[in-house]
């Protein structure tokens, strides 16, 4: 995923786990991280079954290569200006 997001953004997107200080301070991130850790958000989806349910489903690369080309850079720009992210970056740089 990191490589795909980096390609879409046109720059290197780091792939790292939240530091414990950040997780301890944010219940949502704790729960999200737990979903990744137990495998539910770890890329184990049955894509063939999902495509049968939704034949118009696109791959991530196809989605952002089309009409949504600016979505990833715009999201990154918005995301990086959030106060929470500044605290994450500050803690991560310690």
PDB file of N, CA and C in Angstrom:
ATOM      1  N   UNK A   1       0.817  -1.183   0.000  1.00  0.00           N
ATOM      2  CA  UNK A   1       0.000   0.000   0.000  1.00  0.00           C
ATOM      3  C   UNK A   1       0.868   1.257   0.000  1.00  0.00           C
ATOM      4  N   UNK A   2       1.946   1.205   0.764  1.00  0.00           N
ATOM      5  CA  UNK A   2       2.823   2.377   0.863  1.00  0.00           C
ATOM      6  C   UNK A   2       3.336   2.770  -0.508  1.00  0.00           C
ATOM      7  N   UNK A   3       3.724   1.806  -1.311  1.00  0.00           N
ATOM      8  CA  UNK A   3       4.227   2.089  -2.660  1.00  0.00           C
ATOM      9  C   UNK A   3       3.128   2.686  -3.535  1.00  0.00           C
ATOM     10  N   UNK A   4       1.908   2.166  -3.420  1.00  0.00           N
ATOM     11  CA  UNK A   4       0.796   2.683  -4.219  1.00  0.00           C
ATOM     12  C   UNK A   4       0.463   4.127  -3.833  1.00  0.00           C
ATOM     13  N   UNK A   5       0.416   4.412  -2.540  1.00  0.00           N
ATOM     14  CA  UNK A   5       0.119   5.778  -2.111  1.00  0.00           C
ATOM     15  C   UNK A   5       1.252   6.727  -2.492  1.00  0.00           C
ATOM     16  N   UNK A   6       2.485   6.263  -2.414  1.00  0.00           N
ATOM     17  CA  UNK A   6       3.618   7.101  -2.822  1.00  0.00           C
ATOM     18  C   UNK A   6       3.524   7.441  -4.302  1.00  0.00           C
ATOM     19  N   UNK A   7       3.190   6.453  -5.114  1.00  0.00           N
ATOM     20  CA  UNK A   7       3.043   6.685  -6.552  1.00  0.00           C
ATOM     21  C   UNK A   7       1.919   7.690  -6.824  1.00  0.00           C
ATOM     22  N   UNK A   8       0.788   7.508  -6.146  1.00  0.00           N
ATOM     23  CA  UNK A   8      -0.355   8.406  -6.364  1.00  0.00           C
ATOM     24  C   UNK A   8      -0.049   9.827  -5.922  1.00  0.00           C
ATOM     25  N   UNK A   9       0.692   9.957  -4.833  1.00  0.00           N
ATOM     26  CA  UNK A   9       1.005  11.278  -4.287  1.00  0.00           C
ATOM     27  C   UNK A   9       2.143  11.956  -5.033  1.00  0.00           C
ATOM     28  N   UNK A  10       2.917  11.184  -5.769  1.00  0.00           N
ATOM     29  CA  UNK A  10       4.054  11.752  -6.466  1.00  0.00           C
ATOM     30  C   UNK A  10       5.231  12.051  -5.545  1.00  0.00           C
ATOM     31  N   UNK A  11       5.218  11.447  -4.379  1.00  0.00           N
ATOM     32  CA  UNK A  11       6.321  11.609  -3.418  1.00  0.00           C
ATOM     33  C   UNK A  11       6.283  10.439  -2.442  1.00  0.00           C
ATOM     34  N   UNK A  12       7.377  10.236  -1.747  1.00  0.00           N
ATOM     35  CA  UNK A  12       7.476   9.126  -0.809  1.00  0.00           C
ATOM     36  C   UNK A  12       6.523   9.344   0.367  1.00  0.00           C
ATOM     37  N   UNK A  13       5.680   8.367   0.626  1.00  0.00           N
ATOM     38  CA  UNK A  13       4.792   8.392   1.786  1.00  0.00           C
ATOM     39  C   UNK A  13       5.360   7.387   2.784  1.00  0.00           C
ATOM     40  N   UNK A  14       5.762   7.856   3.959  1.00  0.00           N
ATOM     41  CA  UNK A  14       6.346   6.921   4.930  1.00  0.00           C
ATOM     42  C   UNK A  14       5.303   5.942   5.458  1.00  0.00           C
ATOM     43  N   UNK A  15       5.751   4.771   5.756  1.00  0.00           N
ATOM     44  CA  UNK A  15       4.890   3.731   6.298  1.00  0.00           C
ATOM     45  C   UNK A  15       5.450   3.338   7.655  1.00  0.00           C
ATOM     46  N   UNK A  16       4.811   3.808   8.690  1.00  0.00           N
ATOM     47  CA  UNK A  16       5.286   3.457  10.025  1.00  0.00           C
ATOM     48  C   UNK A  16       4.112   3.389  10.984  1.00  0.00           C
ATOM     49  N   UNK A  17       4.297   2.657  12.011  1.00  0.00           N
ATOM     50  CA  UNK A  17       3.259   2.499  13.034  1.00  0.00           C
ATOM     51  C   UNK A  17       3.238   3.731  13.933  1.00  0.00           C
ATOM     52  N   UNK A  18       2.057   4.050  14.447  1.00  0.00           N
ATOM     53  CA  UNK A  18       1.962   5.132  15.420  1.00  0.00           C
ATOM     54  C   UNK A  18       2.786   4.786  16.651  1.00  0.00           C
ATOM     55  N   UNK A  19       3.458   5.774  17.197  1.00  0.00           N
ATOM     56  CA  UNK A  19       4.207   5.541  18.429  1.00  0.00           C
ATOM     57  C   UNK A  19       3.220   5.362  19.578  1.00  0.00           C
ATOM     58  N   UNK A  20       3.656   4.680  20.628  1.00  0.00           N
ATOM     59  CA  UNK A  20       2.774   4.357  21.748  1.00  0.00           C
ATOM     60  C   UNK A  20       2.159   5.603  22.390  1.00  0.00           C
ATOM     61  N   UNK A  21       2.892   6.699  22.441  1.00  0.00           N
ATOM     62  CA  UNK A  21       2.351   7.926  23.034  1.00  0.00           C
ATOM     63  C   UNK A  21       1.130   8.411  22.262  1.00  0.00           C
ATOM     64  N   UNK A  22       1.168   8.304  20.956  1.00  0.00           N
ATOM     65  CA  UNK A  22       0.040   8.725  20.128  1.00  0.00           C
ATOM     66  C   UNK A  22      -1.133   7.777  20.327  1.00  0.00           C
ATOM     67  N   UNK A  23      -0.866   6.474  20.309  1.00  0.00           N
ATOM     68  CA  UNK A  23      -1.939   5.502  20.506  1.00  0.00           C
ATOM     69  C   UNK A  23      -2.586   5.654  21.884  1.00  0.00           C
ATOM     70  N   UNK A  24      -1.784   5.886  22.892  1.00  0.00           N
ATOM     71  CA  UNK A  24      -2.315   6.031  24.248  1.00  0.00           C
ATOM     72  C   UNK A  24      -3.249   7.237  24.358  1.00  0.00           C
ATOM     73  N   UNK A  25      -3.023   8.237  23.538  1.00  0.00           N
ATOM     74  CA  UNK A  25      -3.809   9.470  23.625  1.00  0.00           C
ATOM     75  C   UNK A  25      -5.030   9.470  22.705  1.00  0.00           C
ATOM     76  N   UNK A  26      -5.224   8.420  21.889  1.00  0.00           N
ATOM     77  CA  UNK A  26      -6.288   8.466  20.897  1.00  0.00           C
ATOM     78  C   UNK A  26      -6.981   7.113  20.788  1.00  0.00           C
ATOM     79  N   UNK A  27      -8.193   7.029  21.331  1.00  0.00           N
ATOM     80  CA  UNK A  27      -8.937   5.775  21.350  1.00  0.00           C
ATOM     81  C   UNK A  27      -9.260   5.290  19.934  1.00  0.00           C
ATOM     82  N   UNK A  28      -9.603   6.208  19.034  1.00  0.00           N
ATOM     83  CA  UNK A  28      -9.900   5.819  17.661  1.00  0.00           C
ATOM     84  C   UNK A  28      -8.701   5.126  17.019  1.00  0.00           C
ATOM     85  N   UNK A  29      -7.517   5.718  17.159  1.00  0.00           N
ATOM     86  CA  UNK A  29      -6.314   5.105  16.580  1.00  0.00           C
ATOM     87  C   UNK A  29      -5.986   3.777  17.240  1.00  0.00           C
ATOM     88  N   UNK A  30      -6.265   3.650  18.533  1.00  0.00           N
ATOM     89  CA  UNK A  30      -6.059   2.366  19.214  1.00  0.00           C
ATOM     90  C   UNK A  30      -6.928   1.289  18.567  1.00  0.00           C
ATOM     91  N   UNK A  31      -8.206   1.618  18.342  1.00  0.00           N
ATOM     92  CA  UNK A  31      -9.134   0.645  17.758  1.00  0.00           C
ATOM     93  C   UNK A  31      -8.772   0.341  16.301  1.00  0.00           C
ATOM     94  N   UNK A  32      -8.388   1.358  15.559  1.00  0.00           N
ATOM     95  CA  UNK A  32      -7.987   1.165  14.169  1.00  0.00           C
ATOM     96  C   UNK A  32      -6.750   0.276  14.079  1.00  0.00           C
ATOM     97  N   UNK A  33      -5.779   0.524  14.933  1.00  0.00           N
ATOM     98  CA  UNK A  33      -4.565  -0.281  14.964  1.00  0.00           C
ATOM     99  C   UNK A  33      -4.875  -1.730  15.350  1.00  0.00           C
ATOM    100  N   UNK A  34      -5.813  -1.915  16.266  1.00  0.00           N
ATOM    101  CA  UNK A  34      -6.210  -3.272  16.663  1.00  0.00           C
ATOM    102  C   UNK A  34      -6.836  -4.019  15.483  1.00  0.00           C
ATOM    103  N   UNK A  35      -7.613  -3.324  14.650  1.00  0.00           N
ATOM    104  CA  UNK A  35      -8.206  -3.960  13.472  1.00  0.00           C
ATOM    105  C   UNK A  35      -7.131  -4.392  12.475  1.00  0.00           C
ATOM    106  N   UNK A  36      -6.087  -3.602  12.340  1.00  0.00           N
ATOM    107  CA  UNK A  36      -4.972  -3.984  11.469  1.00  0.00           C
ATOM    108  C   UNK A  36      -4.229  -5.172  12.077  1.00  0.00           C
ATOM    109  N   UNK A  37      -3.982  -5.101  13.380  1.00  0.00           N
ATOM    110  CA  UNK A  37      -3.225  -6.154  14.051  1.00  0.00           C
ATOM    111  C   UNK A  37      -3.928  -7.506  13.997  1.00  0.00           C
ATOM    112  N   UNK A  38      -5.277  -7.508  14.086  1.00  0.00           N
ATOM    113  CA  UNK A  38      -5.969  -8.800  14.066  1.00  0.00           C
ATOM    114  C   UNK A  38      -6.310  -9.273  12.654  1.00  0.00           C
ATOM    115  N   UNK A  39      -5.901  -8.490  11.643  1.00  0.00           N
ATOM    116  CA  UNK A  39      -6.029  -8.938  10.265  1.00  0.00           C
ATOM    117  C   UNK A  39      -7.241  -8.425   9.518  1.00  0.00           C
ATOM    118  N   UNK A  40      -8.189  -7.788  10.203  1.00  0.00           N
ATOM    119  CA  UNK A  40      -9.411  -7.359   9.507  1.00  0.00           C
ATOM    120  C   UNK A  40      -9.166  -6.218   8.526  1.00  0.00           C
ATOM    121  N   UNK A  41      -8.116  -5.445   8.717  1.00  0.00           N
ATOM    122  CA  UNK A  41      -7.782  -4.360   7.786  1.00  0.00           C
ATOM    123  C   UNK A  41      -6.401  -4.568   7.186  1.00  0.00           C
ATOM    124  N   UNK A  42      -6.067  -5.811   6.925  1.00  0.00           N
ATOM    125  CA  UNK A  42      -4.713  -6.127   6.468  1.00  0.00           C
ATOM    126  C   UNK A  42      -4.660  -6.674   5.050  1.00  0.00           C
ATOM    127  N   UNK A  43      -5.628  -6.339   4.231  1.00  0.00           N
ATOM    128  CA  UNK A  43      -5.580  -6.769   2.839  1.00  0.00           C
ATOM    129  C   UNK A  43      -5.989  -8.197   2.616  1.00  0.00           C
ATOM    130  N   UNK A  44      -6.850  -8.735   3.461  1.00  0.00           N
ATOM    131  CA  UNK A  44      -7.279 -10.120   3.329  1.00  0.00           C
ATOM    132  C   UNK A  44      -8.656 -10.251   2.689  1.00  0.00           C
ATOM    133  N   UNK A  45      -9.127  -9.218   2.019  1.00  0.00           N
ATOM    134  CA  UNK A  45     -10.460  -9.245   1.415  1.00  0.00           C
ATOM    135  C   UNK A  45     -10.495 -10.204   0.228  1.00  0.00           C
ATOM    136  N   UNK A  46     -11.639 -10.811   0.025  1.00  0.00           N
ATOM    137  CA  UNK A  46     -11.870 -11.666  -1.139  1.00  0.00           C
ATOM    138  C   UNK A  46     -12.328 -10.746  -2.278  1.00  0.00           C
ATOM    139  N   UNK A  47     -11.366 -10.259  -3.067  1.00  0.00           N
ATOM    140  CA  UNK A  47     -11.672  -9.276  -4.101  1.00  0.00           C
ATOM    141  C   UNK A  47     -12.590  -9.834  -5.180  1.00  0.00           C
ATOM    142  N   UNK A  48     -12.463 -11.110  -5.504  1.00  0.00           N
ATOM    143  CA  UNK A  48     -13.355 -11.704  -6.508  1.00  0.00           C
ATOM    144  C   UNK A  48     -14.803 -11.680  -6.023  1.00  0.00           C
ATOM    145  N   UNK A  49     -15.027 -12.011  -4.758  1.00  0.00           N
ATOM    146  CA  UNK A  49     -16.379 -11.975  -4.196  1.00  0.00           C
ATOM    147  C   UNK A  49     -16.909 -10.540  -4.147  1.00  0.00           C
ATOM    148  N   UNK A  50     -16.050  -9.602  -3.789  1.00  0.00           N
ATOM    149  CA  UNK A  50     -16.464  -8.204  -3.764  1.00  0.00           C
ATOM    150  C   UNK A  50     -16.818  -7.695  -5.153  1.00  0.00           C
ATOM    151  N   UNK A  51     -16.060  -8.113  -6.164  1.00  0.00           N
ATOM    152  CA  UNK A  51     -16.345  -7.690  -7.547  1.00  0.00           C
ATOM    153  C   UNK A  51     -17.643  -8.311  -8.062  1.00  0.00           C
ATOM    154  N   UNK A  52     -17.987  -9.507  -7.574  1.00  0.00           N
ATOM    155  CA  UNK A  52     -19.269 -10.102  -7.948  1.00  0.00           C
ATOM    156  C   UNK A  52     -20.424  -9.285  -7.355  1.00  0.00           C
ATOM    157  N   UNK A  53     -20.234  -8.783  -6.131  1.00  0.00           N
ATOM    158  CA  UNK A  53     -21.262  -7.960  -5.497  1.00  0.00           C
ATOM    159  C   UNK A  53     -21.321  -6.572  -6.128  1.00  0.00           C
ATOM    160  N   UNK A  54     -20.161  -6.069  -6.562  1.00  0.00           N
ATOM    161  CA  UNK A  54     -20.077  -4.726  -7.128  1.00  0.00           C
ATOM    162  C   UNK A  54     -19.145  -4.765  -8.344  1.00  0.00           C
ATOM    163  N   UNK A  55     -19.696  -5.117  -9.507  1.00  0.00           N
ATOM    164  CA  UNK A  55     -18.855  -5.238 -10.713  1.00  0.00           C
ATOM    165  C   UNK A  55     -18.156  -3.945 -11.120  1.00  0.00           C
ATOM    166  N   UNK A  56     -18.639  -2.803 -10.650  1.00  0.00           N
ATOM    167  CA  UNK A  56     -18.021  -1.527 -11.010  1.00  0.00           C
ATOM    168  C   UNK A  56     -16.877  -1.141 -10.067  1.00  0.00           C
ATOM    169  N   UNK A  57     -16.574  -1.998  -9.101  1.00  0.00           N
ATOM    170  CA  UNK A  57     -15.502  -1.703  -8.152  1.00  0.00           C
ATOM    171  C   UNK A  57     -14.171  -1.596  -8.894  1.00  0.00           C
ATOM    172  N   UNK A  58     -13.430  -0.568  -8.580  1.00  0.00           N
ATOM    173  CA  UNK A  58     -12.132  -0.335  -9.208  1.00  0.00           C
ATOM    174  C   UNK A  58     -11.006  -0.695  -8.252  1.00  0.00           C
ATOM    175  N   UNK A  59      -9.868  -0.997  -8.809  1.00  0.00           N
ATOM    176  CA  UNK A  59      -8.672  -1.113  -7.975  1.00  0.00           C
ATOM    177  C   UNK A  59      -8.312   0.288  -7.502  1.00  0.00           C
ATOM    178  N   UNK A  60      -7.543   0.376  -6.440  1.00  0.00           N
ATOM    179  CA  UNK A  60      -7.125   1.675  -5.934  1.00  0.00           C
ATOM    180  C   UNK A  60      -6.372   2.447  -7.026  1.00  0.00           C
ATOM    181  N   UNK A  61      -5.481   1.758  -7.717  1.00  0.00           N
ATOM    182  CA  UNK A  61      -4.701   2.415  -8.769  1.00  0.00           C
ATOM    183  C   UNK A  61      -5.604   2.913  -9.901  1.00  0.00           C
ATOM    184  N   UNK A  62      -6.579   2.119 -10.313  1.00  0.00           N
ATOM    185  CA  UNK A  62      -7.510   2.553 -11.359  1.00  0.00           C
ATOM    186  C   UNK A  62      -8.343   3.733 -10.895  1.00  0.00           C
ATOM    187  N   UNK A  63      -8.762   3.702  -9.645  1.00  0.00           N
ATOM    188  CA  UNK A  63      -9.600   4.772  -9.106  1.00  0.00           C
ATOM    189  C   UNK A  63      -8.877   6.112  -9.147  1.00  0.00           C
ATOM    190  N   UNK A  64      -7.624   6.139  -8.649  1.00  0.00           N
ATOM    191  CA  UNK A  64      -6.954   7.440  -8.613  1.00  0.00           C
ATOM    192  C   UNK A  64      -6.307   7.810  -9.949  1.00  0.00           C
ATOM    193  N   UNK A  65      -6.226   6.876 -10.870  1.00  0.00           N
ATOM    194  CA  UNK A  65      -5.700   7.206 -12.196  1.00  0.00           C
ATOM    195  C   UNK A  65      -6.755   7.899 -13.055  1.00  0.00           C
ATOM    196  N   UNK A  66      -8.016   7.753 -12.689  1.00  0.00           N
ATOM    197  CA  UNK A  66      -9.097   8.325 -13.469  1.00  0.00           C
ATOM    198  C   UNK A  66      -9.490   9.698 -12.956  1.00  0.00           C
ATOM    199  N   UNK A  67     -10.785   9.864 -12.766  1.00  0.00           N
ATOM    200  CA  UNK A  67     -11.345  11.154 -12.377  1.00  0.00           C
ATOM    201  C   UNK A  67     -10.873  11.614 -10.998  1.00  0.00           C
ATOM    202  N   UNK A  68     -10.357  10.712 -10.207  1.00  0.00           N
ATOM    203  CA  UNK A  68      -9.958  11.042  -8.832  1.00  0.00           C
ATOM    204  C   UNK A  68      -8.454  11.272  -8.702  1.00  0.00           C
ATOM    205  N   UNK A  69      -7.808  11.587  -9.792  1.00  0.00           N
ATOM    206  CA  UNK A  69      -6.350  11.742  -9.821  1.00  0.00           C
ATOM    207  C   UNK A  69      -5.832  12.702  -8.747  1.00  0.00           C
ATOM    208  N   UNK A  70      -6.542  13.794  -8.482  1.00  0.00           N
ATOM    209  CA  UNK A  70      -6.087  14.781  -7.500  1.00  0.00           C
ATOM    210  C   UNK A  70      -6.492  14.431  -6.066  1.00  0.00           C
ATOM    211  N   UNK A  71      -7.260  13.377  -5.882  1.00  0.00           N
ATOM    212  CA  UNK A  71      -7.772  13.052  -4.551  1.00  0.00           C
ATOM    213  C   UNK A  71      -6.653  12.820  -3.548  1.00  0.00           C
ATOM    214  N   UNK A  72      -5.687  11.975  -3.875  1.00  0.00           N
ATOM    215  CA  UNK A  72      -4.630  11.643  -2.916  1.00  0.00           C
ATOM    216  C   UNK A  72      -3.796  12.876  -2.561  1.00  0.00           C
ATOM    217  N   UNK A  73      -3.270  13.631  -3.528  1.00  0.00           N
ATOM    218  CA  UNK A  73      -2.510  14.832  -3.140  1.00  0.00           C
ATOM    219  C   UNK A  73      -3.345  15.833  -2.336  1.00  0.00           C
ATOM    220  N   UNK A  74      -4.627  15.998  -2.706  1.00  0.00           N
ATOM    221  CA  UNK A  74      -5.486  16.918  -1.954  1.00  0.00           C
ATOM    222  C   UNK A  74      -5.718  16.425  -0.533  1.00  0.00           C
ATOM    223  N   UNK A  75      -5.947  15.124  -0.379  1.00  0.00           N
ATOM    224  CA  UNK A  75      -6.128  14.569   0.965  1.00  0.00           C
ATOM    225  C   UNK A  75      -4.866  14.735   1.802  1.00  0.00           C
ATOM    226  N   UNK A  76      -3.721  14.477   1.197  1.00  0.00           N
ATOM    227  CA  UNK A  76      -2.464  14.628   1.924  1.00  0.00           C
ATOM    228  C   UNK A  76      -2.260  16.068   2.368  1.00  0.00           C
ATOM    229  N   UNK A  77      -2.541  16.987   1.477  1.00  0.00           N
ATOM    230  CA  UNK A  77      -2.377  18.402   1.809  1.00  0.00           C
ATOM    231  C   UNK A  77      -3.297  18.796   2.970  1.00  0.00           C
ATOM    232  N   UNK A  78      -4.542  18.356   2.913  1.00  0.00           N
ATOM    233  CA  UNK A  78      -5.500  18.648   3.987  1.00  0.00           C
ATOM    234  C   UNK A  78      -5.071  17.967   5.280  1.00  0.00           C
ATOM    235  N   UNK A  79      -4.697  16.695   5.172  1.00  0.00           N
ATOM    236  CA  UNK A  79      -4.320  15.893   6.330  1.00  0.00           C
ATOM    237  C   UNK A  79      -3.110  16.490   7.052  1.00  0.00           C
ATOM    238  N   UNK A  80      -2.132  16.931   6.300  1.00  0.00           N
ATOM    239  CA  UNK A  80      -0.906  17.449   6.903  1.00  0.00           C
ATOM    240  C   UNK A  80      -1.102  18.789   7.595  1.00  0.00           C
ATOM    241  N   UNK A  81      -2.223  19.442   7.362  1.00  0.00           N
ATOM    242  CA  UNK A  81      -2.492  20.718   8.016  1.00  0.00           C
ATOM    243  C   UNK A  81      -3.398  20.577   9.245  1.00  0.00           C
ATOM    244  N   UNK A  82      -3.683  19.361   9.650  1.00  0.00           N
ATOM    245  CA  UNK A  82      -4.514  19.144  10.835  1.00  0.00           C
ATOM    246  C   UNK A  82      -3.661  19.229  12.096  1.00  0.00           C
ATOM    247  N   UNK A  83      -4.171  19.893  13.143  1.00  0.00           N
ATOM    248  CA  UNK A  83      -3.399  20.020  14.394  1.00  0.00           C
ATOM    249  C   UNK A  83      -2.941  18.674  14.954  1.00  0.00           C
ATOM    250  N   UNK A  84      -3.790  17.640  14.832  1.00  0.00           N
ATOM    251  CA  UNK A  84      -3.428  16.328  15.362  1.00  0.00           C
ATOM    252  C   UNK A  84      -2.151  15.808  14.704  1.00  0.00           C
ATOM    253  N   UNK A  85      -2.027  16.013  13.400  1.00  0.00           N
ATOM    254  CA  UNK A  85      -0.862  15.518  12.668  1.00  0.00           C
ATOM    255  C   UNK A  85       0.410  16.193  13.154  1.00  0.00           C
ATOM    256  N   UNK A  86       0.323  17.466  13.466  1.00  0.00           N
ATOM    257  CA  UNK A  86       1.512  18.169  13.978  1.00  0.00           C
ATOM    258  C   UNK A  86       1.982  17.554  15.295  1.00  0.00           C
ATOM    259  N   UNK A  87       1.034  17.119  16.132  1.00  0.00           N
ATOM    260  CA  UNK A  87       1.441  16.477  17.385  1.00  0.00           C
ATOM    261  C   UNK A  87       2.025  15.103  17.119  1.00  0.00           C
ATOM    262  N   UNK A  88       1.491  14.387  16.141  1.00  0.00           N
ATOM    263  CA  UNK A  88       2.034  13.067  15.773  1.00  0.00           C
ATOM    264  C   UNK A  88       3.448  13.226  15.251  1.00  0.00           C
ATOM    265  N   UNK A  89       3.657  14.196  14.376  1.00  0.00           N
ATOM    266  CA  UNK A  89       4.986  14.426  13.816  1.00  0.00           C
ATOM    267  C   UNK A  89       5.959  14.812  14.913  1.00  0.00           C
ATOM    268  N   UNK A  90       5.528  15.668  15.819  1.00  0.00           N
ATOM    269  CA  UNK A  90       6.402  16.095  16.906  1.00  0.00           C
ATOM    270  C   UNK A  90       6.798  14.916  17.796  1.00  0.00           C
ATOM    271  N   UNK A  91       5.837  14.050  18.107  1.00  0.00           N
ATOM    272  CA  UNK A  91       6.132  12.892  18.953  1.00  0.00           C
ATOM    273  C   UNK A  91       7.021  11.915  18.190  1.00  0.00           C
ATOM    274  N   UNK A  92       6.738  11.725  16.894  1.00  0.00           N
ATOM    275  CA  UNK A  92       7.509  10.776  16.087  1.00  0.00           C
ATOM    276  C   UNK A  92       8.957  11.220  15.894  1.00  0.00           C
ATOM    277  N   UNK A  93       9.185  12.517  15.919  1.00  0.00           N
ATOM    278  CA  UNK A  93      10.538  13.043  15.719  1.00  0.00           C
ATOM    279  C   UNK A  93      11.412  12.970  16.965  1.00  0.00           C
ATOM    280  N   UNK A  94      10.821  12.580  18.088  1.00  0.00           N
ATOM    281  CA  UNK A  94      11.595  12.509  19.340  1.00  0.00           C
ATOM    282  C   UNK A  94      12.651  11.432  19.266  1.00  0.00           C
TER     283      UNK A  94
END
